[in-house]
């Protein structure tokens, strides 16, 4: 997911070097009818931006998921949440 978001951000000329872009990921594993299943994945992105890049970054977050092979592979099976914290840079 992070790689796909970085690709979409690149189309907007937003840099995603490792010192500017990171993701914190957490998830839930639950017992579903006696079988342990991953039921939710939460991805919180943190991106250092210039003020004029903020709208493009929000657009990228809203639109990258349908281009993401990993996310599309589990959509409907695992709940996916994502968020973006913008750090002024």
Protein backbone atom coordinates (compact mmCIF):
# COMPACT_ATOMS: atom_id res chain seq x y z
CA UNK A 1 0.00 0.00 0.00
CA UNK A 2 2.80 2.39 0.88
CA UNK A 3 4.50 1.84 -2.47
CA UNK A 4 1.30 2.48 -4.38
CA UNK A 5 0.63 5.69 -2.44
CA UNK A 6 4.21 6.79 -3.13
CA UNK A 7 3.65 6.18 -6.86
CA UNK A 8 0.47 8.26 -6.86
CA UNK A 9 2.20 11.01 -4.88
CA UNK A 10 5.00 10.98 -7.46
CA UNK A 11 2.49 11.80 -10.20
CA UNK A 12 1.86 15.02 -8.24
CA UNK A 13 5.64 15.64 -7.93
CA UNK A 14 5.56 14.97 -4.17
CA UNK A 15 8.78 13.41 -2.91
CA UNK A 16 8.56 10.35 -0.69
CA UNK A 17 12.13 9.76 0.39
CA UNK A 18 12.50 7.76 3.60
CA UNK A 19 13.21 10.87 5.65
CA UNK A 20 9.88 12.41 4.51
CA UNK A 21 7.48 9.44 4.28
CA UNK A 22 6.69 6.60 6.65
CA UNK A 23 3.85 4.32 7.62
CA UNK A 24 2.84 2.88 10.95
CA UNK A 25 0.81 -0.29 10.50
CA UNK A 26 -1.32 -2.22 12.97
CA UNK A 27 -3.93 -4.89 12.59
CA UNK A 28 -6.34 -7.15 14.35
CA UNK A 29 -6.39 -10.94 14.37
CA UNK A 30 -9.62 -12.45 15.61
CA UNK A 31 -11.01 -15.89 16.21
CA UNK A 32 -13.73 -16.32 13.59
CA UNK A 33 -15.57 -19.62 14.00
CA UNK A 34 -12.48 -21.27 15.45
CA UNK A 35 -10.08 -19.92 12.82
CA UNK A 36 -7.67 -17.06 13.44
CA UNK A 37 -8.17 -14.44 10.74
CA UNK A 38 -6.73 -11.02 10.03
CA UNK A 39 -9.85 -8.87 10.21
CA UNK A 40 -8.49 -5.33 10.00
CA UNK A 41 -5.38 -3.47 8.88
CA UNK A 42 -4.79 0.16 9.85
CA UNK A 43 -2.14 2.18 8.04
CA UNK A 44 -1.22 5.63 9.32
CA UNK A 45 1.01 7.53 6.90
CA UNK A 46 3.20 10.44 7.94
CA UNK A 47 4.44 12.74 5.17
CA UNK A 48 6.54 15.89 5.28
CA UNK A 49 5.09 18.42 2.84
CA UNK A 50 5.26 21.97 1.71
CA UNK A 51 1.97 23.82 2.35
CA UNK A 52 1.15 23.95 -1.36
CA UNK A 53 1.41 20.13 -1.61
CA UNK A 54 -1.22 19.36 1.02
CA UNK A 55 -4.26 19.24 -1.28
CA UNK A 56 -2.48 16.97 -3.76
CA UNK A 57 -1.42 14.64 -0.94
CA UNK A 58 -5.00 14.41 0.35
CA UNK A 59 -6.19 13.68 -3.19
CA UNK A 60 -3.58 10.91 -3.51
CA UNK A 61 -4.71 9.33 -0.22
CA UNK A 62 -8.32 9.35 -1.40
CA UNK A 63 -7.48 7.77 -4.76
CA UNK A 64 -4.56 5.36 -4.45
CA UNK A 65 -6.33 2.38 -2.92
CA UNK A 66 -8.08 1.28 -6.13
CA UNK A 67 -4.67 1.16 -7.84
CA UNK A 68 -3.09 -0.95 -5.08
CA UNK A 69 -2.73 -4.67 -5.90
CA UNK A 70 -2.33 -5.64 -2.23
CA UNK A 71 -5.34 -3.68 -1.05
CA UNK A 72 -7.51 -4.86 -3.92
CA UNK A 73 -6.51 -8.47 -3.21
CA UNK A 74 -7.92 -8.36 0.32
CA UNK A 75 -10.76 -5.85 -0.17
CA UNK A 76 -13.98 -7.36 1.09
CA UNK A 77 -12.08 -9.85 3.28
CA UNK A 78 -10.10 -7.55 5.54
CA UNK A 79 -11.20 -4.08 6.66
CA UNK A 80 -8.66 -1.47 5.56
CA UNK A 81 -8.28 1.92 7.19
CA UNK A 82 -5.76 4.54 6.22
CA UNK A 83 -4.97 8.05 7.36
CA UNK A 84 -2.40 10.73 6.67
CA UNK A 85 -0.65 13.08 9.06
CA UNK A 86 0.98 16.02 7.34
CA UNK A 87 4.20 17.39 8.81
CA UNK A 88 5.12 20.89 7.65
CA UNK A 89 8.40 20.82 5.81
